[in-house]
């Protein structure tokens, strides 16, 4: 009985570490992204679907989330390394965390992330439509404007293995998956 219990504990520990290392969940079927608006640094209204043709990493984050703040520099490095590859990184936070775009820009500069394209989510509507209630949380959107997967938690975005994995996802799923309508 003790051996069986130890085996179960070992399996659980191993499965958690394997899951945490990968952290990427690709869906069996893609689904359209919500049409909910977000606002860029200039206050212009847009939606994720407006970026059809781009491979998008929509990173939902909070200024009050320590892992989110810690990954800003790495995420900025990722953006600089992948800038010309057709990967768009959008960081999205709730609007009630900010007094204005200047405050966002100042915080991003302070934490080494001046190159990040930031957006605000009015009243947390988009994150609610996605069912996201914790950050950081990344939604993977293919060029067809469909969500095909997610990354829960933070990553070492500038790690070569992570960058390679994102390129693989783009190559494999970037054009689209079968939708559940097909």
N, C-alpha and C. Protein backbone atom coordinates (compact mmCIF):
# COMPACT_ATOMS: atom_id res chain seq x y z
N UNK A 1 0.83 -1.20 0.00
CA UNK A 1 0.00 0.00 0.00
C UNK A 1 0.87 1.26 0.00
N UNK A 2 1.95 1.26 0.79
CA UNK A 2 2.85 2.40 0.86
C UNK A 2 3.53 2.64 -0.49
N UNK A 3 3.93 1.55 -1.15
CA UNK A 3 4.57 1.69 -2.47
C UNK A 3 3.61 2.29 -3.47
N UNK A 4 2.36 1.87 -3.42
CA UNK A 4 1.36 2.39 -4.35
C UNK A 4 1.15 3.89 -4.09
N UNK A 5 1.09 4.29 -2.82
CA UNK A 5 0.92 5.70 -2.46
C UNK A 5 2.10 6.54 -2.92
N UNK A 6 3.32 6.05 -2.72
CA UNK A 6 4.52 6.77 -3.17
C UNK A 6 4.55 6.89 -4.69
N UNK A 7 4.12 5.82 -5.37
CA UNK A 7 4.08 5.86 -6.83
C UNK A 7 3.11 6.94 -7.32
N UNK A 8 1.95 7.01 -6.68
CA UNK A 8 0.95 8.02 -7.07
C UNK A 8 1.50 9.43 -6.83
N UNK A 9 2.12 9.64 -5.67
CA UNK A 9 2.70 10.95 -5.36
C UNK A 9 3.79 11.29 -6.38
N UNK A 10 4.66 10.34 -6.70
CA UNK A 10 5.72 10.56 -7.69
C UNK A 10 5.11 10.94 -9.05
N UNK A 11 4.08 10.22 -9.46
CA UNK A 11 3.44 10.51 -10.75
C UNK A 11 2.82 11.90 -10.76
N UNK A 12 2.16 12.26 -9.66
CA UNK A 12 1.56 13.60 -9.59
C UNK A 12 2.63 14.68 -9.64
N UNK A 13 3.69 14.52 -8.89
CA UNK A 13 4.77 15.51 -8.90
C UNK A 13 5.38 15.63 -10.28
N UNK A 14 5.62 14.51 -10.94
CA UNK A 14 6.21 14.53 -12.27
C UNK A 14 5.27 15.19 -13.26
N UNK A 15 3.96 14.88 -13.18
CA UNK A 15 3.02 15.47 -14.14
C UNK A 15 2.90 16.97 -13.95
N UNK A 16 2.95 17.46 -12.70
CA UNK A 16 2.89 18.89 -12.46
C UNK A 16 4.11 19.59 -13.02
N UNK A 17 5.28 19.03 -12.83
CA UNK A 17 6.49 19.70 -13.34
C UNK A 17 6.53 19.66 -14.86
N UNK A 18 6.06 18.59 -15.46
CA UNK A 18 6.04 18.53 -16.93
C UNK A 18 5.05 19.56 -17.48
N UNK A 19 3.89 19.69 -16.83
CA UNK A 19 2.88 20.64 -17.26
C UNK A 19 3.39 22.07 -17.11
N UNK A 20 4.01 22.36 -15.99
CA UNK A 20 4.50 23.72 -15.73
C UNK A 20 5.60 24.10 -16.72
N UNK A 21 6.43 23.12 -17.10
CA UNK A 21 7.51 23.42 -18.03
C UNK A 21 6.95 23.79 -19.39
N UNK A 22 6.01 23.01 -19.86
CA UNK A 22 5.42 23.28 -21.17
C UNK A 22 4.47 24.46 -21.08
N UNK A 23 3.45 24.37 -20.21
CA UNK A 23 2.54 25.48 -19.97
C UNK A 23 1.67 25.88 -21.14
N UNK A 24 1.73 25.17 -22.25
CA UNK A 24 1.00 25.55 -23.46
C UNK A 24 -0.11 24.54 -23.71
N UNK A 25 -1.31 25.05 -23.91
CA UNK A 25 -2.45 24.21 -24.20
C UNK A 25 -2.97 24.57 -25.59
N UNK A 26 -2.87 23.65 -26.52
CA UNK A 26 -3.39 23.85 -27.88
C UNK A 26 -4.72 23.09 -27.96
N UNK A 27 -5.75 23.77 -28.42
CA UNK A 27 -7.08 23.18 -28.49
C UNK A 27 -7.22 22.24 -29.68
N UNK A 28 -8.17 21.34 -29.59
CA UNK A 28 -8.47 20.44 -30.71
C UNK A 28 -9.11 21.21 -31.86
N UNK A 29 -9.89 22.26 -31.53
CA UNK A 29 -10.54 23.08 -32.52
C UNK A 29 -10.33 24.55 -32.17
N UNK A 30 -10.16 25.36 -33.19
CA UNK A 30 -10.04 26.80 -32.95
C UNK A 30 -11.43 27.38 -32.76
N UNK A 31 -11.47 28.60 -32.23
CA UNK A 31 -12.75 29.29 -32.05
C UNK A 31 -12.55 30.77 -32.27
N UNK A 32 -13.57 31.44 -32.76
CA UNK A 32 -13.44 32.88 -33.01
C UNK A 32 -13.13 33.63 -31.72
N UNK A 33 -12.33 34.69 -31.83
CA UNK A 33 -12.07 35.52 -30.65
C UNK A 33 -13.27 36.42 -30.43
N UNK A 34 -13.53 36.80 -29.18
CA UNK A 34 -14.64 37.73 -28.92
C UNK A 34 -14.41 39.05 -29.66
N UNK A 35 -15.49 39.70 -30.03
CA UNK A 35 -15.40 40.99 -30.73
C UNK A 35 -15.26 42.16 -29.76
N UNK A 36 -15.08 41.87 -28.49
CA UNK A 36 -14.98 42.89 -27.45
C UNK A 36 -13.81 43.83 -27.72
N UNK A 37 -14.06 45.11 -27.56
CA UNK A 37 -13.06 46.13 -27.84
C UNK A 37 -12.02 46.25 -26.72
N UNK A 38 -10.82 46.61 -27.14
CA UNK A 38 -9.76 47.07 -26.24
C UNK A 38 -9.29 48.41 -26.81
N UNK A 39 -8.51 49.14 -26.02
CA UNK A 39 -8.08 50.47 -26.43
C UNK A 39 -6.57 50.57 -26.39
N UNK A 40 -5.97 51.13 -27.45
CA UNK A 40 -4.52 51.26 -27.51
C UNK A 40 -4.06 52.48 -26.72
N UNK A 41 -2.77 52.74 -26.74
CA UNK A 41 -2.20 53.84 -25.94
C UNK A 41 -2.74 55.21 -26.33
N UNK A 42 -3.33 55.32 -27.52
CA UNK A 42 -3.89 56.60 -27.99
C UNK A 42 -5.39 56.68 -27.75
N UNK A 43 -5.94 55.65 -27.08
CA UNK A 43 -7.37 55.63 -26.80
C UNK A 43 -8.22 55.14 -27.95
N UNK A 44 -7.57 54.64 -29.00
CA UNK A 44 -8.31 54.15 -30.16
C UNK A 44 -8.86 52.75 -29.89
N UNK A 45 -10.11 52.58 -30.25
CA UNK A 45 -10.82 51.33 -30.05
C UNK A 45 -10.42 50.32 -31.13
N UNK A 46 -10.15 49.10 -30.71
CA UNK A 46 -9.83 48.03 -31.65
C UNK A 46 -10.26 46.71 -31.02
N UNK A 47 -10.18 45.65 -31.78
CA UNK A 47 -10.50 44.30 -31.28
C UNK A 47 -9.46 43.34 -31.83
N UNK A 48 -9.29 42.21 -31.19
CA UNK A 48 -8.32 41.22 -31.67
C UNK A 48 -8.61 40.80 -33.11
N UNK A 49 -9.88 40.70 -33.46
CA UNK A 49 -10.25 40.30 -34.82
C UNK A 49 -9.78 41.30 -35.87
N UNK A 50 -9.49 42.54 -35.46
CA UNK A 50 -9.00 43.56 -36.38
C UNK A 50 -7.59 43.25 -36.87
N UNK A 51 -6.93 42.34 -36.22
CA UNK A 51 -5.55 42.00 -36.57
C UNK A 51 -5.45 40.69 -37.35
N UNK A 52 -6.54 40.33 -38.04
CA UNK A 52 -6.49 39.13 -38.89
C UNK A 52 -5.29 39.26 -39.83
N UNK A 53 -4.60 38.16 -40.02
CA UNK A 53 -3.40 38.17 -40.84
C UNK A 53 -2.14 38.20 -39.99
N UNK A 54 -2.30 38.50 -38.70
CA UNK A 54 -1.17 38.47 -37.76
C UNK A 54 -1.31 37.26 -36.85
N UNK A 55 -0.20 36.72 -36.45
CA UNK A 55 -0.15 35.69 -35.43
C UNK A 55 0.01 36.43 -34.10
N UNK A 56 -0.95 36.30 -33.20
CA UNK A 56 -1.00 37.16 -32.01
C UNK A 56 -0.80 36.37 -30.73
N UNK A 57 0.01 36.95 -29.87
CA UNK A 57 0.11 36.51 -28.48
C UNK A 57 -0.52 37.63 -27.67
N UNK A 58 -1.73 37.42 -27.18
CA UNK A 58 -2.43 38.41 -26.37
C UNK A 58 -2.18 38.07 -24.90
N UNK A 59 -1.31 38.85 -24.27
CA UNK A 59 -0.89 38.57 -22.91
C UNK A 59 -1.74 39.41 -21.95
N UNK A 60 -2.58 38.74 -21.18
CA UNK A 60 -3.38 39.41 -20.17
C UNK A 60 -2.55 39.48 -18.89
N UNK A 61 -2.39 40.70 -18.39
CA UNK A 61 -1.52 40.91 -17.24
C UNK A 61 -2.09 41.97 -16.33
N UNK A 62 -1.45 42.15 -15.19
CA UNK A 62 -1.86 43.18 -14.23
C UNK A 62 -0.62 43.83 -13.65
N UNK A 63 -0.71 45.11 -13.40
CA UNK A 63 0.41 45.82 -12.78
C UNK A 63 0.61 45.37 -11.34
N UNK A 64 -0.38 44.70 -10.76
CA UNK A 64 -0.30 44.24 -9.37
C UNK A 64 0.12 42.78 -9.27
N UNK A 65 0.44 42.18 -10.38
CA UNK A 65 0.82 40.76 -10.45
C UNK A 65 2.35 40.68 -10.52
N UNK A 66 2.97 40.14 -9.49
CA UNK A 66 4.44 40.08 -9.44
C UNK A 66 5.02 39.27 -10.60
N UNK A 67 4.49 38.07 -10.92
CA UNK A 67 5.03 37.34 -12.07
C UNK A 67 4.89 38.14 -13.38
N UNK A 68 3.81 38.90 -13.51
CA UNK A 68 3.60 39.72 -14.71
C UNK A 68 4.70 40.77 -14.84
N UNK A 69 4.98 41.44 -13.75
CA UNK A 69 6.02 42.49 -13.76
C UNK A 69 7.38 41.87 -14.03
N UNK A 70 7.64 40.72 -13.41
CA UNK A 70 8.95 40.07 -13.58
C UNK A 70 9.20 39.64 -15.03
N UNK A 71 8.15 39.30 -15.77
CA UNK A 71 8.35 38.83 -17.13
C UNK A 71 8.35 39.94 -18.18
N UNK A 72 8.10 41.19 -17.79
CA UNK A 72 8.05 42.28 -18.77
C UNK A 72 9.34 42.43 -19.56
N UNK A 73 10.48 42.41 -18.87
CA UNK A 73 11.77 42.55 -19.55
C UNK A 73 12.00 41.41 -20.54
N UNK A 74 11.71 40.17 -20.12
CA UNK A 74 11.86 39.02 -21.01
C UNK A 74 10.91 39.12 -22.20
N UNK A 75 9.69 39.56 -21.94
CA UNK A 75 8.71 39.71 -23.01
C UNK A 75 9.15 40.78 -24.01
N UNK A 76 9.72 41.86 -23.49
CA UNK A 76 10.26 42.91 -24.36
C UNK A 76 11.39 42.36 -25.23
N UNK A 77 12.26 41.55 -24.64
CA UNK A 77 13.35 40.92 -25.39
C UNK A 77 12.79 39.99 -26.47
N UNK A 78 11.75 39.23 -26.12
CA UNK A 78 11.08 38.35 -27.09
C UNK A 78 10.58 39.17 -28.28
N UNK A 79 9.91 40.29 -27.99
CA UNK A 79 9.38 41.15 -29.05
C UNK A 79 10.50 41.63 -29.96
N UNK A 80 11.60 42.05 -29.38
CA UNK A 80 12.71 42.55 -30.20
C UNK A 80 13.32 41.43 -31.04
N UNK A 81 13.39 40.21 -30.50
CA UNK A 81 13.98 39.09 -31.24
C UNK A 81 13.06 38.55 -32.34
N UNK A 82 11.75 38.74 -32.19
CA UNK A 82 10.80 38.18 -33.15
C UNK A 82 10.10 39.25 -33.98
N UNK A 83 10.56 40.47 -33.87
CA UNK A 83 9.89 41.63 -34.47
C UNK A 83 9.53 41.43 -35.95
N UNK A 84 10.41 40.89 -36.74
CA UNK A 84 10.17 40.77 -38.18
C UNK A 84 9.65 39.40 -38.60
N UNK A 85 9.09 38.66 -37.66
CA UNK A 85 8.66 37.29 -37.95
C UNK A 85 7.15 37.13 -38.13
N UNK A 86 6.42 38.22 -38.04
CA UNK A 86 4.97 38.12 -38.17
C UNK A 86 4.26 37.77 -36.88
N UNK A 87 4.97 37.89 -35.75
CA UNK A 87 4.36 37.63 -34.45
C UNK A 87 4.07 38.98 -33.80
N UNK A 88 2.82 39.20 -33.43
CA UNK A 88 2.41 40.43 -32.75
C UNK A 88 2.14 40.08 -31.29
N UNK A 89 2.79 40.80 -30.38
CA UNK A 89 2.54 40.64 -28.95
C UNK A 89 1.75 41.85 -28.48
N UNK A 90 0.62 41.57 -27.85
CA UNK A 90 -0.23 42.62 -27.29
C UNK A 90 -0.35 42.35 -25.80
N UNK A 91 0.01 43.32 -24.97
CA UNK A 91 -0.23 43.13 -23.54
C UNK A 91 -1.49 43.91 -23.18
N UNK A 92 -2.37 43.25 -22.45
CA UNK A 92 -3.70 43.79 -22.18
C UNK A 92 -3.95 43.76 -20.67
N UNK A 93 -4.30 44.91 -20.12
CA UNK A 93 -4.62 44.97 -18.70
C UNK A 93 -5.94 45.73 -18.52
N UNK A 94 -6.54 45.57 -17.37
CA UNK A 94 -7.80 46.24 -17.08
C UNK A 94 -7.58 47.75 -16.98
N UNK A 95 -8.53 48.50 -17.48
CA UNK A 95 -8.40 49.96 -17.52
C UNK A 95 -8.40 50.60 -16.13
N UNK A 96 -9.03 49.96 -15.15
CA UNK A 96 -9.11 50.59 -13.83
C UNK A 96 -7.79 50.54 -13.05
N UNK A 97 -6.76 49.93 -13.64
CA UNK A 97 -5.44 49.90 -13.01
C UNK A 97 -4.61 51.14 -13.35
N UNK A 98 -5.13 51.97 -14.26
CA UNK A 98 -4.33 53.07 -14.80
C UNK A 98 -5.06 54.40 -14.73
N UNK A 99 -4.29 55.45 -14.59
CA UNK A 99 -4.87 56.80 -14.69
C UNK A 99 -4.72 57.33 -16.11
N UNK A 100 -3.93 56.65 -16.93
CA UNK A 100 -3.76 57.06 -18.32
C UNK A 100 -2.60 56.33 -18.98
N UNK A 101 -2.47 56.53 -20.28
CA UNK A 101 -1.43 55.86 -21.06
C UNK A 101 -0.03 56.26 -20.60
N UNK A 102 0.15 57.48 -20.12
CA UNK A 102 1.46 57.91 -19.64
C UNK A 102 1.94 57.08 -18.47
N UNK A 103 1.02 56.71 -17.61
CA UNK A 103 1.37 55.89 -16.45
C UNK A 103 1.80 54.49 -16.90
N UNK A 104 1.10 53.94 -17.89
CA UNK A 104 1.47 52.63 -18.43
C UNK A 104 2.87 52.68 -19.04
N UNK A 105 3.09 53.67 -19.87
CA UNK A 105 4.38 53.82 -20.54
C UNK A 105 5.51 53.94 -19.51
N UNK A 106 5.27 54.73 -18.47
CA UNK A 106 6.27 54.92 -17.41
C UNK A 106 6.59 53.60 -16.72
N UNK A 107 5.55 52.81 -16.40
CA UNK A 107 5.78 51.53 -15.74
C UNK A 107 6.54 50.57 -16.65
N UNK A 108 6.16 50.52 -17.92
CA UNK A 108 6.85 49.63 -18.86
C UNK A 108 8.32 50.03 -19.02
N UNK A 109 8.58 51.32 -19.11
CA UNK A 109 9.97 51.79 -19.19
C UNK A 109 10.74 51.40 -17.94
N UNK A 110 10.12 51.57 -16.78
CA UNK A 110 10.77 51.26 -15.50
C UNK A 110 11.19 49.80 -15.43
N UNK A 111 10.41 48.90 -16.00
CA UNK A 111 10.69 47.47 -15.93
C UNK A 111 11.28 46.90 -17.22
N UNK A 112 11.88 47.77 -18.04
CA UNK A 112 12.62 47.31 -19.22
C UNK A 112 11.77 46.81 -20.36
N UNK A 113 10.58 47.39 -20.53
CA UNK A 113 9.69 46.91 -21.57
C UNK A 113 9.12 48.04 -22.43
N UNK A 114 9.98 48.92 -22.95
CA UNK A 114 9.47 50.06 -23.71
C UNK A 114 8.90 49.69 -25.09
N UNK A 115 9.20 48.50 -25.58
CA UNK A 115 8.78 48.11 -26.93
C UNK A 115 7.44 47.37 -26.97
N UNK A 116 6.83 47.15 -25.80
CA UNK A 116 5.59 46.38 -25.78
C UNK A 116 4.41 47.23 -26.21
N UNK A 117 3.53 46.62 -26.99
CA UNK A 117 2.33 47.23 -27.51
C UNK A 117 1.22 47.00 -26.49
N UNK A 118 0.82 48.04 -25.75
CA UNK A 118 -0.12 47.82 -24.65
C UNK A 118 -1.51 48.34 -24.95
N UNK A 119 -2.48 47.64 -24.35
CA UNK A 119 -3.90 47.92 -24.54
C UNK A 119 -4.59 47.84 -23.19
N UNK A 120 -5.73 48.53 -23.08
CA UNK A 120 -6.53 48.41 -21.88
C UNK A 120 -7.87 47.77 -22.22
N UNK A 121 -8.34 47.00 -21.27
CA UNK A 121 -9.57 46.23 -21.37
C UNK A 121 -10.60 46.91 -20.47
N UNK A 122 -11.53 47.63 -21.07
CA UNK A 122 -12.51 48.39 -20.30
C UNK A 122 -13.37 47.46 -19.44
N UNK A 123 -13.32 47.72 -18.16
CA UNK A 123 -14.08 46.95 -17.17
C UNK A 123 -13.76 45.46 -17.20
N UNK A 124 -12.63 45.07 -17.79
CA UNK A 124 -12.26 43.66 -17.84
C UNK A 124 -13.18 42.81 -18.70
N UNK A 125 -13.84 43.46 -19.66
CA UNK A 125 -14.83 42.75 -20.49
C UNK A 125 -14.19 41.66 -21.36
N UNK A 126 -13.08 41.99 -22.02
CA UNK A 126 -12.46 40.99 -22.90
C UNK A 126 -11.93 39.82 -22.09
N UNK A 127 -11.24 40.10 -20.99
CA UNK A 127 -10.74 38.99 -20.17
C UNK A 127 -11.91 38.15 -19.65
N UNK A 128 -13.02 38.79 -19.30
CA UNK A 128 -14.21 38.06 -18.87
C UNK A 128 -14.80 37.20 -19.99
N UNK A 129 -14.83 37.76 -21.21
CA UNK A 129 -15.35 37.01 -22.36
C UNK A 129 -14.48 35.78 -22.65
N UNK A 130 -13.19 35.89 -22.38
CA UNK A 130 -12.30 34.74 -22.56
C UNK A 130 -12.33 33.80 -21.35
N UNK A 131 -12.93 34.25 -20.24
CA UNK A 131 -12.93 33.44 -19.03
C UNK A 131 -11.59 33.47 -18.32
N UNK A 132 -10.89 34.60 -18.43
CA UNK A 132 -9.58 34.74 -17.80
C UNK A 132 -9.75 35.57 -16.53
N UNK A 133 -9.37 34.99 -15.42
CA UNK A 133 -9.52 35.67 -14.14
C UNK A 133 -8.22 35.69 -13.34
N UNK A 134 -7.13 35.26 -13.96
CA UNK A 134 -5.82 35.28 -13.31
C UNK A 134 -4.79 35.68 -14.35
N UNK A 135 -3.73 36.30 -13.89
CA UNK A 135 -2.68 36.70 -14.82
C UNK A 135 -1.33 36.26 -14.28
N UNK A 136 -0.34 36.15 -15.17
CA UNK A 136 -0.44 36.34 -16.61
C UNK A 136 -1.11 35.15 -17.30
N UNK A 137 -1.73 35.45 -18.39
CA UNK A 137 -2.44 34.44 -19.17
C UNK A 137 -2.36 34.88 -20.63
N UNK A 138 -1.85 34.02 -21.49
CA UNK A 138 -1.65 34.38 -22.90
C UNK A 138 -2.61 33.60 -23.78
N UNK A 139 -3.32 34.33 -24.64
CA UNK A 139 -4.22 33.73 -25.62
C UNK A 139 -3.48 33.70 -26.95
N UNK A 140 -3.46 32.54 -27.58
CA UNK A 140 -2.80 32.35 -28.87
C UNK A 140 -3.83 32.49 -29.99
N UNK A 141 -3.60 33.43 -30.90
CA UNK A 141 -4.56 33.72 -31.96
C UNK A 141 -3.87 33.54 -33.31
N UNK A 142 -4.47 32.72 -34.18
CA UNK A 142 -3.88 32.47 -35.50
C UNK A 142 -4.22 33.60 -36.46
N UNK A 143 -3.68 33.50 -37.67
CA UNK A 143 -3.87 34.56 -38.67
C UNK A 143 -5.32 34.70 -39.13
N UNK A 144 -6.12 33.66 -38.89
CA UNK A 144 -7.53 33.71 -39.26
C UNK A 144 -8.36 34.44 -38.20
N UNK A 145 -7.70 34.89 -37.12
CA UNK A 145 -8.40 35.59 -36.06
C UNK A 145 -9.12 34.66 -35.11
N UNK A 146 -8.59 33.45 -34.96
CA UNK A 146 -9.21 32.46 -34.09
C UNK A 146 -8.26 32.09 -32.95
N UNK A 147 -8.83 31.89 -31.78
CA UNK A 147 -8.05 31.41 -30.65
C UNK A 147 -7.81 29.92 -30.86
N UNK A 148 -6.55 29.51 -30.76
CA UNK A 148 -6.25 28.09 -30.92
C UNK A 148 -5.56 27.50 -29.70
N UNK A 149 -5.22 28.33 -28.72
CA UNK A 149 -4.59 27.81 -27.52
C UNK A 149 -4.32 28.89 -26.50
N UNK A 150 -3.73 28.46 -25.38
CA UNK A 150 -3.42 29.38 -24.28
C UNK A 150 -2.15 28.95 -23.57
N UNK A 151 -1.57 29.95 -22.93
CA UNK A 151 -0.44 29.71 -22.05
C UNK A 151 -0.83 30.28 -20.69
N UNK A 152 -0.89 29.42 -19.70
CA UNK A 152 -1.23 29.85 -18.35
C UNK A 152 0.05 30.10 -17.57
N UNK A 153 0.12 31.25 -16.92
CA UNK A 153 1.29 31.57 -16.12
C UNK A 153 2.37 32.27 -16.92
N UNK A 154 3.46 32.53 -16.25
CA UNK A 154 4.55 33.27 -16.89
C UNK A 154 5.54 32.33 -17.54
N UNK A 155 6.31 32.88 -18.46
CA UNK A 155 7.37 32.14 -19.16
C UNK A 155 8.65 32.97 -19.16
N UNK A 156 9.74 32.31 -19.40
CA UNK A 156 11.00 33.02 -19.68
C UNK A 156 10.98 33.30 -21.18
N UNK A 157 10.29 34.37 -21.56
CA UNK A 157 10.00 34.65 -22.96
C UNK A 157 11.25 34.77 -23.83
N UNK A 158 12.36 35.19 -23.27
CA UNK A 158 13.55 35.35 -24.10
C UNK A 158 14.43 34.10 -24.11
N UNK A 159 13.98 33.02 -23.51
CA UNK A 159 14.70 31.75 -23.54
C UNK A 159 14.61 31.16 -24.95
N UNK A 160 15.72 30.66 -25.46
CA UNK A 160 15.75 30.14 -26.83
C UNK A 160 14.73 29.03 -27.05
N UNK A 161 14.52 28.16 -26.05
CA UNK A 161 13.55 27.08 -26.19
C UNK A 161 12.13 27.61 -26.30
N UNK A 162 11.81 28.65 -25.54
CA UNK A 162 10.47 29.25 -25.59
C UNK A 162 10.26 29.89 -26.95
N UNK A 163 11.24 30.65 -27.42
CA UNK A 163 11.13 31.28 -28.73
C UNK A 163 10.95 30.24 -29.82
N UNK A 164 11.73 29.16 -29.74
CA UNK A 164 11.62 28.08 -30.73
C UNK A 164 10.22 27.45 -30.67
N UNK A 165 9.68 27.27 -29.47
CA UNK A 165 8.35 26.68 -29.32
C UNK A 165 7.28 27.60 -29.93
N UNK A 166 7.41 28.90 -29.73
CA UNK A 166 6.44 29.84 -30.31
C UNK A 166 6.52 29.80 -31.84
N UNK A 167 7.74 29.73 -32.38
CA UNK A 167 7.89 29.61 -33.84
C UNK A 167 7.24 28.32 -34.35
N UNK A 168 7.39 27.24 -33.60
CA UNK A 168 6.77 25.97 -33.98
C UNK A 168 5.24 26.09 -33.98
N UNK A 169 4.71 26.73 -32.94
CA UNK A 169 3.27 26.94 -32.88
C UNK A 169 2.78 27.77 -34.06
N UNK A 170 3.53 28.80 -34.39
CA UNK A 170 3.17 29.66 -35.52
C UNK A 170 3.18 28.85 -36.82
N UNK A 171 4.21 28.03 -37.00
CA UNK A 171 4.31 27.22 -38.22
C UNK A 171 3.20 26.18 -38.29
N UNK A 172 2.89 25.56 -37.17
CA UNK A 172 1.92 24.48 -37.16
C UNK A 172 0.47 24.96 -37.13
N UNK A 173 0.19 26.02 -36.38
CA UNK A 173 -1.19 26.44 -36.16
C UNK A 173 -1.49 27.86 -36.62
N UNK A 174 -0.49 28.57 -37.10
CA UNK A 174 -0.63 29.99 -37.43
C UNK A 174 -1.66 30.29 -38.50
N UNK A 175 -1.84 29.41 -39.43
CA UNK A 175 -2.80 29.65 -40.50
C UNK A 175 -4.21 29.28 -40.09
N UNK A 176 -4.33 28.41 -39.09
CA UNK A 176 -5.66 28.01 -38.60
C UNK A 176 -5.75 26.53 -38.35
N UNK A 177 -6.71 26.17 -37.52
CA UNK A 177 -7.06 24.79 -37.20
C UNK A 177 -8.45 24.54 -37.76
N UNK A 178 -8.84 23.29 -37.81
CA UNK A 178 -10.25 23.07 -38.17
C UNK A 178 -11.11 23.69 -37.08
N UNK A 179 -12.19 24.35 -37.45
CA UNK A 179 -13.09 24.91 -36.44
C UNK A 179 -14.08 23.80 -36.06
N UNK A 180 -14.76 23.97 -34.96
CA UNK A 180 -15.72 22.94 -34.54
C UNK A 180 -16.96 22.94 -35.42
N UNK A 181 -17.06 23.91 -36.35
CA UNK A 181 -18.17 23.94 -37.31
C UNK A 181 -17.93 22.99 -38.48
N UNK A 182 -16.66 22.62 -38.68
CA UNK A 182 -16.31 21.80 -39.85
C UNK A 182 -16.55 20.34 -39.60
